[in-house]
Amino acid sequence: MDILVNNLGIYEAVGFFEETDEDWQHLFEVNIMSGVRLARHYLSRMLESGTGRIVFISSESGISPAPEMAHYSATKTMQLGISRSLAELTRNTEVTVNAVLPGPTRTEGVEKFIRDIYPDLPLKAAEQKFMAENRPSSLIARLIDPSEIGDIVAFICSDRVAVINGATIRAEGGLVRTAF
C-alpha cells in the first residue's frame, strides 16, 4: 500500500502588520502547494489501485489560530479543507485521506524559537515557561515528542483504521478548548 505523509511546513512568528505579501506567498507555496502537488501526483495512482493513505500534518493553529502567525494559521486551516476534499474523492475505495493536528512539538525549529524567547534559561526550563505563558490551555503542559505524532500517523496509515477517512485528528495535548 502506498502512503503519502505531507509533513513539509514552515512557520514564523511575525505580527500581522509586518507580514508582507511575499511572506504570505512563501508560506502558501511551501505549506499548501507542496502537499497539493504531491497529492495530485499520488492520489490518482492510489485510486486506480483502490488502496492507499494520505495524511496532511496540519497544526492546532488550523482550528485555533495564533495571532502572531496569521499566515501560518491560514495555511494550516487550508490543509484541513484540502484533506477533506480529497477524502471525498476516495468514496468506495480503500484509500483514506486524513489530517493530524499536532500541538507544539519538540523539533529543532521549535527549540530554537523557545531559546530565542528565553535565552537565559536552560532548555527544559524555557520549554516549561513557554508552555505556561504561551500555551496555558495545554493539558499536558509540555512539548510533544515527535515520536508521539509519528505513532498516530503510523496508526492511521495502517489497515486497522481503514474506517477513518476525511477526519481531523487532534493530537495537540488538549491545547484546543473545543468539544469537536
N, C-alpha and C. Protein backbone atom coordinates (compact mmCIF):
# COMPACT_ATOMS: atom_id res chain seq x y z
N MET A 1 0.84 -1.17 0.00
CA MET A 1 0.00 0.00 0.00
C MET A 1 0.89 1.24 0.00
N ASP A 2 0.55 2.22 -0.83
CA ASP A 2 1.29 3.48 -0.89
C ASP A 2 0.79 4.42 0.21
N ILE A 3 1.74 5.15 0.80
CA ILE A 3 1.43 6.11 1.86
C ILE A 3 2.14 7.41 1.55
N LEU A 4 1.41 8.51 1.64
CA LEU A 4 1.98 9.85 1.48
C LEU A 4 1.69 10.64 2.75
N VAL A 5 2.73 11.10 3.40
CA VAL A 5 2.58 11.96 4.58
C VAL A 5 3.10 13.34 4.18
N ASN A 6 2.20 14.28 4.09
CA ASN A 6 2.57 15.67 3.76
C ASN A 6 2.95 16.38 5.05
N ASN A 7 4.25 16.36 5.34
CA ASN A 7 4.77 16.88 6.60
C ASN A 7 5.60 18.15 6.42
N LEU A 8 5.83 18.56 5.19
CA LEU A 8 6.63 19.76 4.97
C LEU A 8 5.84 20.99 5.42
N GLY A 9 6.46 21.79 6.22
CA GLY A 9 5.80 23.01 6.67
C GLY A 9 6.81 23.93 7.32
N ILE A 10 6.55 25.21 7.18
CA ILE A 10 7.39 26.22 7.81
C ILE A 10 6.49 27.18 8.56
N TYR A 11 7.06 27.88 9.50
CA TYR A 11 6.32 28.89 10.25
C TYR A 11 7.29 30.00 10.64
N GLU A 12 6.71 31.10 11.01
CA GLU A 12 7.48 32.18 11.61
C GLU A 12 6.52 33.03 12.40
N ALA A 13 6.98 33.47 13.54
CA ALA A 13 6.17 34.35 14.37
C ALA A 13 6.42 35.78 13.92
N VAL A 14 5.42 36.33 13.24
CA VAL A 14 5.52 37.69 12.71
C VAL A 14 4.16 38.35 12.95
N GLY A 15 4.17 39.57 13.40
CA GLY A 15 2.92 40.29 13.59
C GLY A 15 2.20 40.49 12.26
N PHE A 16 0.89 40.50 12.31
CA PHE A 16 0.08 40.61 11.10
C PHE A 16 0.48 41.81 10.24
N PHE A 17 0.75 42.92 10.87
CA PHE A 17 1.06 44.13 10.11
C PHE A 17 2.48 44.11 9.54
N GLU A 18 3.30 43.20 10.02
CA GLU A 18 4.65 43.06 9.50
C GLU A 18 4.74 41.99 8.40
N GLU A 19 3.72 41.14 8.28
CA GLU A 19 3.72 40.09 7.26
C GLU A 19 3.51 40.71 5.88
N THR A 20 4.45 40.49 5.00
CA THR A 20 4.35 41.04 3.65
C THR A 20 3.60 40.07 2.74
N ASP A 21 3.20 40.54 1.59
CA ASP A 21 2.59 39.65 0.60
C ASP A 21 3.54 38.50 0.25
N GLU A 22 4.83 38.81 0.19
CA GLU A 22 5.82 37.78 -0.11
C GLU A 22 5.87 36.73 1.00
N ASP A 23 5.75 37.16 2.27
CA ASP A 23 5.72 36.20 3.39
C ASP A 23 4.52 35.26 3.24
N TRP A 24 3.37 35.83 2.95
CA TRP A 24 2.16 35.02 2.77
C TRP A 24 2.33 34.04 1.61
N GLN A 25 2.84 34.54 0.49
CA GLN A 25 3.01 33.69 -0.69
C GLN A 25 4.00 32.56 -0.43
N HIS A 26 5.07 32.87 0.28
CA HIS A 26 6.08 31.85 0.56
C HIS A 26 5.49 30.73 1.43
N LEU A 27 4.77 31.08 2.50
CA LEU A 27 4.16 30.04 3.33
C LEU A 27 3.11 29.26 2.55
N PHE A 28 2.36 29.93 1.69
CA PHE A 28 1.37 29.24 0.87
C PHE A 28 2.04 28.23 -0.05
N GLU A 29 3.11 28.63 -0.70
CA GLU A 29 3.83 27.73 -1.62
C GLU A 29 4.36 26.50 -0.89
N VAL A 30 4.99 26.72 0.27
CA VAL A 30 5.58 25.60 0.99
C VAL A 30 4.52 24.76 1.69
N ASN A 31 3.66 25.40 2.48
CA ASN A 31 2.73 24.65 3.33
C ASN A 31 1.54 24.09 2.58
N ILE A 32 1.13 24.73 1.51
CA ILE A 32 -0.06 24.26 0.77
C ILE A 32 0.32 23.58 -0.53
N MET A 33 0.99 24.29 -1.39
CA MET A 33 1.20 23.77 -2.74
C MET A 33 2.10 22.54 -2.78
N SER A 34 3.03 22.40 -1.83
CA SER A 34 3.84 21.18 -1.83
C SER A 34 2.95 19.96 -1.62
N GLY A 35 2.03 20.03 -0.67
CA GLY A 35 1.11 18.93 -0.42
C GLY A 35 0.11 18.71 -1.53
N VAL A 36 -0.37 19.79 -2.11
CA VAL A 36 -1.31 19.69 -3.24
C VAL A 36 -0.63 18.98 -4.41
N ARG A 37 0.57 19.39 -4.71
CA ARG A 37 1.28 18.79 -5.86
C ARG A 37 1.55 17.30 -5.63
N LEU A 38 1.99 16.95 -4.44
CA LEU A 38 2.25 15.54 -4.14
C LEU A 38 0.96 14.73 -4.14
N ALA A 39 -0.09 15.27 -3.54
CA ALA A 39 -1.37 14.55 -3.51
C ALA A 39 -1.91 14.38 -4.93
N ARG A 40 -1.80 15.40 -5.74
CA ARG A 40 -2.27 15.30 -7.13
C ARG A 40 -1.54 14.17 -7.85
N HIS A 41 -0.27 14.05 -7.61
CA HIS A 41 0.55 13.02 -8.26
C HIS A 41 0.19 11.62 -7.76
N TYR A 42 0.11 11.44 -6.44
CA TYR A 42 -0.05 10.10 -5.88
C TYR A 42 -1.50 9.65 -5.71
N LEU A 43 -2.43 10.56 -5.47
CA LEU A 43 -3.81 10.14 -5.22
C LEU A 43 -4.42 9.44 -6.42
N SER A 44 -4.15 9.89 -7.61
CA SER A 44 -4.74 9.23 -8.79
C SER A 44 -4.25 7.78 -8.88
N ARG A 45 -2.99 7.55 -8.57
CA ARG A 45 -2.45 6.17 -8.58
C ARG A 45 -3.10 5.32 -7.48
N MET A 46 -3.28 5.93 -6.33
CA MET A 46 -3.92 5.21 -5.23
C MET A 46 -5.36 4.83 -5.60
N LEU A 47 -6.06 5.76 -6.21
CA LEU A 47 -7.44 5.49 -6.61
C LEU A 47 -7.50 4.37 -7.65
N GLU A 48 -6.57 4.37 -8.58
CA GLU A 48 -6.51 3.30 -9.59
C GLU A 48 -6.29 1.94 -8.95
N SER A 49 -5.42 1.89 -7.95
CA SER A 49 -5.14 0.61 -7.28
C SER A 49 -6.20 0.28 -6.23
N GLY A 50 -6.95 1.30 -5.80
CA GLY A 50 -8.01 1.09 -4.81
C GLY A 50 -7.55 1.11 -3.38
N THR A 51 -6.26 1.40 -3.13
CA THR A 51 -5.76 1.41 -1.77
C THR A 51 -4.68 2.48 -1.61
N GLY A 52 -4.54 2.99 -0.41
CA GLY A 52 -3.51 3.98 -0.12
C GLY A 52 -3.91 4.88 1.03
N ARG A 53 -2.94 5.63 1.50
CA ARG A 53 -3.16 6.56 2.61
C ARG A 53 -2.47 7.89 2.32
N ILE A 54 -3.19 8.96 2.59
CA ILE A 54 -2.59 10.31 2.55
C ILE A 54 -2.89 10.96 3.89
N VAL A 55 -1.86 11.55 4.48
CA VAL A 55 -2.01 12.27 5.74
C VAL A 55 -1.39 13.65 5.58
N PHE A 56 -2.16 14.66 5.92
CA PHE A 56 -1.65 16.03 5.97
C PHE A 56 -1.33 16.34 7.43
N ILE A 57 -0.09 16.76 7.69
CA ILE A 57 0.27 17.19 9.04
C ILE A 57 -0.06 18.68 9.11
N SER A 58 -1.14 18.99 9.78
CA SER A 58 -1.59 20.36 9.93
C SER A 58 -1.05 20.89 11.26
N SER A 59 -1.90 21.49 12.06
CA SER A 59 -1.49 22.06 13.34
C SER A 59 -2.72 22.45 14.12
N GLU A 60 -2.57 22.54 15.43
CA GLU A 60 -3.68 23.07 16.22
C GLU A 60 -4.00 24.49 15.80
N SER A 61 -3.05 25.17 15.19
CA SER A 61 -3.29 26.53 14.69
C SER A 61 -4.30 26.54 13.55
N GLY A 62 -4.57 25.38 12.97
CA GLY A 62 -5.59 25.29 11.93
C GLY A 62 -7.00 25.47 12.45
N ILE A 63 -7.21 25.18 13.75
CA ILE A 63 -8.54 25.38 14.34
C ILE A 63 -8.51 26.38 15.49
N SER A 64 -7.32 26.75 15.92
CA SER A 64 -7.15 27.74 16.98
C SER A 64 -6.03 28.69 16.56
N PRO A 65 -6.35 29.60 15.62
CA PRO A 65 -5.31 30.45 15.01
C PRO A 65 -4.52 31.27 16.02
N ALA A 66 -3.25 31.40 15.73
CA ALA A 66 -2.34 32.19 16.56
C ALA A 66 -2.20 33.59 15.97
N PRO A 67 -2.45 34.63 16.74
CA PRO A 67 -2.36 35.99 16.18
C PRO A 67 -0.97 36.37 15.70
N GLU A 68 0.06 35.76 16.29
CA GLU A 68 1.43 36.07 15.86
C GLU A 68 1.85 35.26 14.65
N MET A 69 0.92 34.41 14.15
CA MET A 69 1.23 33.59 12.97
C MET A 69 -0.02 33.46 12.09
N ALA A 70 -0.59 34.59 11.72
CA ALA A 70 -1.83 34.56 10.93
C ALA A 70 -1.64 33.81 9.62
N HIS A 71 -0.53 34.06 8.94
CA HIS A 71 -0.32 33.40 7.65
C HIS A 71 -0.10 31.90 7.82
N TYR A 72 0.61 31.49 8.84
CA TYR A 72 0.80 30.07 9.13
C TYR A 72 -0.54 29.42 9.47
N SER A 73 -1.29 30.05 10.36
CA SER A 73 -2.59 29.51 10.76
C SER A 73 -3.51 29.35 9.55
N ALA A 74 -3.50 30.31 8.66
CA ALA A 74 -4.35 30.23 7.47
C ALA A 74 -3.98 29.03 6.61
N THR A 75 -2.68 28.77 6.46
CA THR A 75 -2.28 27.62 5.64
C THR A 75 -2.67 26.31 6.30
N LYS A 76 -2.62 26.26 7.62
CA LYS A 76 -2.98 25.03 8.32
C LYS A 76 -4.49 24.78 8.27
N THR A 77 -5.27 25.84 8.26
CA THR A 77 -6.72 25.69 8.08
C THR A 77 -7.02 25.20 6.66
N MET A 78 -6.30 25.73 5.69
CA MET A 78 -6.49 25.29 4.31
C MET A 78 -6.20 23.80 4.15
N GLN A 79 -5.19 23.30 4.86
CA GLN A 79 -4.87 21.88 4.77
C GLN A 79 -6.05 21.01 5.20
N LEU A 80 -6.81 21.48 6.17
CA LEU A 80 -7.98 20.72 6.63
C LEU A 80 -9.02 20.63 5.53
N GLY A 81 -9.26 21.73 4.86
CA GLY A 81 -10.21 21.73 3.74
C GLY A 81 -9.75 20.86 2.59
N ILE A 82 -8.47 20.94 2.28
CA ILE A 82 -7.92 20.13 1.18
C ILE A 82 -8.02 18.65 1.51
N SER A 83 -7.65 18.27 2.73
CA SER A 83 -7.67 16.85 3.07
C SER A 83 -9.10 16.31 3.03
N ARG A 84 -10.06 17.08 3.50
CA ARG A 84 -11.45 16.61 3.45
C ARG A 84 -11.93 16.54 2.00
N SER A 85 -11.59 17.52 1.20
CA SER A 85 -11.99 17.50 -0.21
C SER A 85 -11.43 16.29 -0.93
N LEU A 86 -10.18 15.97 -0.67
CA LEU A 86 -9.56 14.81 -1.31
C LEU A 86 -10.18 13.50 -0.79
N ALA A 87 -10.53 13.47 0.48
CA ALA A 87 -11.19 12.28 1.02
C ALA A 87 -12.50 12.00 0.30
N GLU A 88 -13.19 13.05 -0.10
CA GLU A 88 -14.45 12.88 -0.84
C GLU A 88 -14.23 12.14 -2.17
N LEU A 89 -13.04 12.24 -2.71
CA LEU A 89 -12.73 11.56 -3.97
C LEU A 89 -12.48 10.07 -3.79
N THR A 90 -12.36 9.61 -2.56
CA THR A 90 -11.98 8.23 -2.30
C THR A 90 -13.17 7.30 -2.06
N ARG A 91 -14.35 7.79 -2.25
CA ARG A 91 -15.56 7.00 -1.99
C ARG A 91 -15.47 5.62 -2.63
N ASN A 92 -15.83 4.62 -1.87
CA ASN A 92 -15.91 3.23 -2.34
C ASN A 92 -14.54 2.65 -2.70
N THR A 93 -13.49 3.15 -2.05
CA THR A 93 -12.15 2.59 -2.21
C THR A 93 -11.58 2.33 -0.82
N GLU A 94 -10.38 1.81 -0.78
CA GLU A 94 -9.68 1.66 0.49
C GLU A 94 -8.58 2.71 0.62
N VAL A 95 -8.79 3.83 -0.03
CA VAL A 95 -7.89 4.98 0.08
C VAL A 95 -8.46 5.90 1.15
N THR A 96 -7.60 6.39 2.03
CA THR A 96 -8.06 7.35 3.03
C THR A 96 -7.20 8.60 2.97
N VAL A 97 -7.82 9.72 3.31
CA VAL A 97 -7.11 11.00 3.41
C VAL A 97 -7.55 11.65 4.72
N ASN A 98 -6.58 11.91 5.58
CA ASN A 98 -6.86 12.49 6.88
C ASN A 98 -5.86 13.59 7.20
N ALA A 99 -6.17 14.36 8.24
CA ALA A 99 -5.26 15.40 8.73
C ALA A 99 -4.99 15.16 10.21
N VAL A 100 -3.77 15.36 10.62
CA VAL A 100 -3.38 15.29 12.02
C VAL A 100 -3.00 16.69 12.47
N LEU A 101 -3.47 17.08 13.64
CA LEU A 101 -3.22 18.41 14.18
C LEU A 101 -2.34 18.33 15.42
N PRO A 102 -1.03 18.33 15.26
CA PRO A 102 -0.16 18.35 16.43
C PRO A 102 -0.21 19.72 17.11
N GLY A 103 0.10 19.72 18.38
CA GLY A 103 0.34 20.96 19.10
C GLY A 103 1.83 21.27 19.05
N PRO A 104 2.30 22.14 19.93
CA PRO A 104 3.73 22.47 19.94
C PRO A 104 4.57 21.21 20.13
N THR A 105 5.43 20.96 19.16
CA THR A 105 6.20 19.72 19.11
C THR A 105 7.68 20.03 19.21
N ARG A 106 8.40 19.21 19.95
CA ARG A 106 9.82 19.43 20.17
C ARG A 106 10.61 19.12 18.91
N THR A 107 10.71 20.10 18.04
CA THR A 107 11.53 19.99 16.84
C THR A 107 12.70 20.97 16.98
N GLU A 108 13.67 20.86 16.10
CA GLU A 108 14.79 21.81 16.14
C GLU A 108 14.31 23.24 16.02
N GLY A 109 13.34 23.47 15.11
CA GLY A 109 12.83 24.82 14.91
C GLY A 109 12.13 25.37 16.13
N VAL A 110 11.32 24.54 16.79
CA VAL A 110 10.62 24.98 17.99
C VAL A 110 11.60 25.21 19.14
N GLU A 111 12.59 24.34 19.27
CA GLU A 111 13.59 24.54 20.31
C GLU A 111 14.34 25.86 20.09
N LYS A 112 14.70 26.14 18.87
CA LYS A 112 15.39 27.41 18.57
C LYS A 112 14.48 28.59 18.89
N PHE A 113 13.22 28.49 18.50
CA PHE A 113 12.24 29.54 18.77
C PHE A 113 12.16 29.81 20.27
N ILE A 114 12.08 28.75 21.07
CA ILE A 114 11.96 28.90 22.52
C ILE A 114 13.26 29.45 23.11
N ARG A 115 14.40 29.00 22.60
CA ARG A 115 15.68 29.53 23.09
C ARG A 115 15.79 31.03 22.79
N ASP A 116 15.28 31.44 21.63
CA ASP A 116 15.32 32.86 21.27
C ASP A 116 14.45 33.70 22.20
N ILE A 117 13.33 33.14 22.66
CA ILE A 117 12.44 33.87 23.57
C ILE A 117 13.04 33.94 24.97
N TYR A 118 13.64 32.84 25.42
CA TYR A 118 14.18 32.75 26.78
C TYR A 118 15.67 32.36 26.73
N PRO A 119 16.52 33.25 26.25
CA PRO A 119 17.93 32.89 26.04
C PRO A 119 18.72 32.61 27.32
N ASP A 120 18.24 33.09 28.45
CA ASP A 120 18.98 32.94 29.69
C ASP A 120 18.58 31.71 30.50
N LEU A 121 17.63 30.93 29.98
CA LEU A 121 17.16 29.75 30.71
C LEU A 121 17.67 28.47 30.06
N PRO A 122 17.89 27.44 30.87
CA PRO A 122 18.16 26.12 30.28
C PRO A 122 16.94 25.69 29.46
N LEU A 123 17.16 24.84 28.46
CA LEU A 123 16.08 24.49 27.53
C LEU A 123 14.85 23.94 28.24
N LYS A 124 15.03 23.04 29.18
CA LYS A 124 13.88 22.44 29.88
C LYS A 124 13.05 23.51 30.59
N ALA A 125 13.71 24.42 31.28
CA ALA A 125 13.02 25.50 31.99
C ALA A 125 12.35 26.45 30.98
N ALA A 126 13.03 26.70 29.88
CA ALA A 126 12.47 27.58 28.85
C ALA A 126 11.21 26.96 28.24
N GLU A 127 11.24 25.63 28.01
CA GLU A 127 10.05 24.95 27.49
C GLU A 127 8.89 25.07 28.46
N GLN A 128 9.16 24.85 29.75
CA GLN A 128 8.11 24.94 30.75
C GLN A 128 7.52 26.35 30.81
N LYS A 129 8.39 27.35 30.75
CA LYS A 129 7.92 28.74 30.79
C LYS A 129 7.13 29.07 29.52
N PHE A 130 7.62 28.60 28.38
CA PHE A 130 6.90 28.83 27.12
C PHE A 130 5.49 28.24 27.19
N MET A 131 5.39 27.01 27.64
CA MET A 131 4.07 26.37 27.71
C MET A 131 3.16 27.11 28.69
N ALA A 132 3.69 27.49 29.85
CA ALA A 132 2.88 28.18 30.86
C ALA A 132 2.43 29.56 30.38
N GLU A 133 3.30 30.27 29.68
CA GLU A 133 2.98 31.64 29.28
C GLU A 133 2.31 31.74 27.92
N ASN A 134 2.66 30.83 26.99
CA ASN A 134 2.18 30.96 25.61
C ASN A 134 1.15 29.91 25.21
N ARG A 135 1.09 28.80 25.91
CA ARG A 135 0.12 27.74 25.61
C ARG A 135 -0.49 27.23 26.92
N PRO A 136 -1.04 28.16 27.72
CA PRO A 136 -1.51 27.77 29.06
C PRO A 136 -2.69 26.80 29.06
N SER A 137 -3.40 26.66 27.97
CA SER A 137 -4.54 25.74 27.95
C SER A 137 -4.12 24.30 27.68
N SER A 138 -2.85 24.06 27.41
CA SER A 138 -2.37 22.69 27.16
C SER A 138 -2.58 21.84 28.41
N LEU A 139 -3.24 20.72 28.23
CA LEU A 139 -3.48 19.82 29.36
C LEU A 139 -2.25 18.99 29.70
N ILE A 140 -1.35 18.79 28.74
CA ILE A 140 -0.13 18.04 29.04
C ILE A 140 1.00 18.97 29.51
N ALA A 141 0.86 20.26 29.27
CA ALA A 141 1.80 21.29 29.75
C ALA A 141 3.25 21.00 29.39
N ARG A 142 3.46 20.46 28.20
CA ARG A 142 4.82 20.17 27.72
C ARG A 142 4.79 20.13 26.21
N LEU A 143 5.98 20.17 25.63
CA LEU A 143 6.08 19.97 24.19
C LEU A 143 5.82 18.50 23.88
N ILE A 144 5.29 18.25 22.72
CA ILE A 144 5.01 16.90 22.26
C ILE A 144 6.27 16.33 21.63
N ASP A 145 6.57 15.10 21.92
CA ASP A 145 7.71 14.44 21.30
C ASP A 145 7.31 14.05 19.87
N PRO A 146 8.17 14.28 18.88
CA PRO A 146 7.82 13.92 17.50
C PRO A 146 7.40 12.47 17.33
N SER A 147 7.95 11.57 18.13
CA SER A 147 7.57 10.16 18.00
C SER A 147 6.11 9.93 18.38
N GLU A 148 5.57 10.77 19.25
CA GLU A 148 4.16 10.65 19.61
C GLU A 148 3.27 10.95 18.40
N ILE A 149 3.65 11.94 17.62
CA ILE A 149 2.91 12.25 16.40
C ILE A 149 3.13 11.14 15.38
N GLY A 150 4.37 10.66 15.28
CA GLY A 150 4.68 9.56 14.36
C GLY A 150 3.85 8.32 14.65
N ASP A 151 3.64 8.01 15.92
CA ASP A 151 2.83 6.85 16.29
C ASP A 151 1.39 7.01 15.81
N ILE A 152 0.86 8.21 15.94
CA ILE A 152 -0.52 8.46 15.49
C ILE A 152 -0.60 8.33 13.97
N VAL A 153 0.36 8.90 13.27
CA VAL A 153 0.38 8.81 11.81
C VAL A 153 0.51 7.35 11.37
N ALA A 154 1.39 6.60 12.01
CA ALA A 154 1.55 5.19 11.65
C ALA A 154 0.24 4.43 11.87
N PHE A 155 -0.44 4.74 12.94
CA PHE A 155 -1.70 4.07 13.24
C PHE A 155 -2.76 4.38 12.18
N ILE A 156 -2.92 5.66 11.82
CA ILE A 156 -3.98 5.97 10.85
C ILE A 156 -3.61 5.56 9.42
N CYS A 157 -2.35 5.21 9.22
CA CYS A 157 -1.95 4.68 7.92
C CYS A 157 -2.06 3.16 7.85
N SER A 158 -2.37 2.54 8.95
CA SER A 158 -2.44 1.09 8.99
C SER A 158 -3.78 0.58 8.46
N ASP A 159 -3.82 -0.71 8.19
CA ASP A 159 -5.06 -1.36 7.76
C ASP A 159 -6.11 -1.37 8.87
N ARG A 160 -5.67 -1.25 10.11
CA ARG A 160 -6.57 -1.34 11.26
C ARG A 160 -7.55 -0.19 11.34
N VAL A 161 -7.28 0.90 10.67
CA VAL A 161 -8.17 2.06 10.77
C VAL A 161 -8.65 2.53 9.41
N ALA A 162 -8.98 1.58 8.56
CA ALA A 162 -9.48 1.92 7.23
C ALA A 162 -10.79 2.69 7.30
N VAL A 163 -11.47 2.68 8.44
CA VAL A 163 -12.74 3.39 8.58
C VAL A 163 -12.55 4.87 8.91
N ILE A 164 -11.33 5.28 9.22
CA ILE A 164 -11.09 6.70 9.48
C ILE A 164 -10.69 7.35 8.16
N ASN A 165 -11.58 8.17 7.65
CA ASN A 165 -11.35 8.83 6.36
C ASN A 165 -12.01 10.20 6.39
N GLY A 166 -11.29 11.21 5.94
CA GLY A 166 -11.82 12.57 5.94
C GLY A 166 -11.82 13.20 7.32
N ALA A 167 -11.02 12.65 8.22
CA ALA A 167 -11.03 13.08 9.62
C ALA A 167 -9.93 14.10 9.91
N THR A 168 -10.20 14.87 10.93
CA THR A 168 -9.22 15.78 11.52
C THR A 168 -8.90 15.22 12.89
N ILE A 169 -7.70 14.73 13.07
CA ILE A 169 -7.32 14.03 14.29
C ILE A 169 -6.47 14.96 15.14
N ARG A 170 -7.04 15.36 16.25
CA ARG A 170 -6.34 16.28 17.15
C ARG A 170 -5.32 15.53 17.99
N ALA A 171 -4.09 16.01 17.96
CA ALA A 171 -3.00 15.44 18.75
C ALA A 171 -2.22 16.59 19.37
N GLU A 172 -2.97 17.52 19.95
CA GLU A 172 -2.38 18.78 20.38
C GLU A 172 -2.23 18.88 21.89
N GLY A 173 -2.39 17.75 22.59
CA GLY A 173 -2.19 17.75 24.03
C GLY A 173 -3.28 18.45 24.81
N GLY A 174 -4.47 18.55 24.23
CA GLY A 174 -5.58 19.20 24.92
C GLY A 174 -5.50 20.71 24.91
N LEU A 175 -4.70 21.27 24.04
CA LEU A 175 -4.50 22.71 23.98
C LEU A 175 -5.75 23.46 23.51
N VAL A 176 -6.47 22.85 22.56
CA VAL A 176 -7.65 23.50 21.99
C VAL A 176 -8.85 23.21 22.88
N ARG A 177 -9.56 24.25 23.25
CA ARG A 177 -10.69 24.12 24.17
C ARG A 177 -12.02 24.06 23.42
N THR A 178 -12.19 23.03 22.62
CA THR A 178 -13.48 22.81 21.99
C THR A 178 -13.83 21.34 22.11
N ALA A 179 -15.10 21.05 21.99
CA ALA A 179 -15.54 19.66 22.09
C ALA A 179 -15.45 18.94 20.77
N PHE A 180 -15.11 19.62 19.71
CA PHE A 180 -15.02 18.96 18.40
C PHE A 180 -13.67 19.15 17.78
